[in-house]
Amino acid sequence: MDFTKVKGYSKLSAGAKDFFKRTVASHQAAVGNDYKAGWTPVSVKEYRDHLRVTFRNGDWLRYLPGGVWG
């Protein structure tokens, strides 16, 4: 995945970029192929204690410390 194409990625801090990459990989590995297509990140925004990630299907999740999402 080309993270530079995710809107907002370039504005993330270095630590948030690493966290985002790790959590996306973990999230994608935890789901089946049919699920993955709609759950491709299209935008990300950094907050004090989480990242808000919006996906191709229009849904969004918070990526939280510890590599969890919800």
Protein backbone atom coordinates (compact mmCIF):
# COMPACT_ATOMS: atom_id res chain seq x y z
CA MET A 1 0.00 0.00 0.00
CA ASP A 2 1.25 3.48 -0.87
CA PHE A 3 0.64 5.39 2.35
CA THR A 4 1.55 8.71 0.72
CA LYS A 5 -1.75 8.49 -1.22
CA VAL A 6 -3.78 8.49 2.01
CA LYS A 7 -5.10 12.01 2.56
CA GLY A 8 -3.53 13.54 5.69
CA TYR A 9 -0.66 11.05 5.90
CA SER A 10 1.95 13.70 5.11
CA LYS A 11 0.71 15.81 8.06
CA LEU A 12 1.22 13.03 10.63
CA SER A 13 4.14 13.16 13.05
CA ALA A 14 6.89 10.59 12.49
CA GLY A 15 5.64 8.49 15.39
CA ALA A 16 2.07 8.61 14.13
CA LYS A 17 3.20 7.51 10.66
CA ASP A 18 4.90 4.44 12.13
CA PHE A 19 1.88 3.69 14.32
CA PHE A 20 -0.48 4.09 11.35
CA LYS A 21 1.55 1.71 9.16
CA ARG A 22 1.75 -0.94 11.88
CA THR A 23 -1.94 -0.71 12.77
CA VAL A 24 -3.11 -0.79 9.14
CA ALA A 25 -1.01 -3.92 8.59
CA SER A 26 -2.44 -5.54 11.71
CA HIS A 27 -6.01 -4.55 10.80
CA GLN A 28 -5.65 -5.88 7.23
CA ALA A 29 -4.09 -9.14 8.45
CA ALA A 30 -6.99 -9.74 10.82
CA VAL A 31 -9.69 -9.69 8.12
CA GLY A 32 -10.58 -11.66 5.00
CA ASN A 33 -9.96 -10.59 1.41
CA ASP A 34 -13.60 -9.61 0.75
CA TYR A 35 -13.51 -7.29 3.76
CA LYS A 36 -10.20 -5.65 2.84
CA ALA A 37 -11.36 -3.88 -0.34
CA GLY A 38 -13.79 -1.60 1.48
CA TRP A 39 -11.49 -1.11 4.43
CA THR A 40 -8.63 0.50 2.54
CA PRO A 41 -7.68 3.79 4.25
CA VAL A 42 -8.43 6.94 2.26
CA SER A 43 -7.73 9.56 4.95
CA VAL A 44 -6.15 9.84 8.37
CA LYS A 45 -6.06 12.56 11.00
CA GLU A 46 -3.90 12.67 14.11
CA TYR A 47 -5.42 13.53 17.47
CA ARG A 48 -3.74 13.72 20.86
CA ASP A 49 -4.53 10.13 21.82
CA HIS A 50 -5.60 8.39 18.59
CA LEU A 51 -5.77 8.46 14.82
CA ARG A 52 -9.08 8.78 13.01
CA VAL A 53 -8.97 6.69 9.84
CA THR A 54 -11.64 6.91 7.13
CA PHE A 55 -11.96 4.02 4.71
CA ARG A 56 -13.06 3.52 1.11
CA ASN A 57 -16.46 2.19 2.26
CA GLY A 58 -17.16 5.50 4.08
CA ASP A 59 -16.79 4.07 7.60
CA TRP A 60 -14.16 5.32 10.01
CA LEU A 61 -12.36 3.92 13.04
CA ARG A 62 -10.17 5.23 15.81
CA TYR A 63 -6.74 3.64 15.86
CA LEU A 64 -5.82 3.61 19.53
CA PRO A 65 -2.55 3.04 21.43
CA GLY A 66 -1.69 -0.61 21.73
CA GLY A 67 -2.58 -1.27 18.10
CA VAL A 68 -6.33 -1.61 18.66
CA TRP A 69 -9.12 -0.06 16.65
CA GLY A 70 -12.70 0.72 17.35
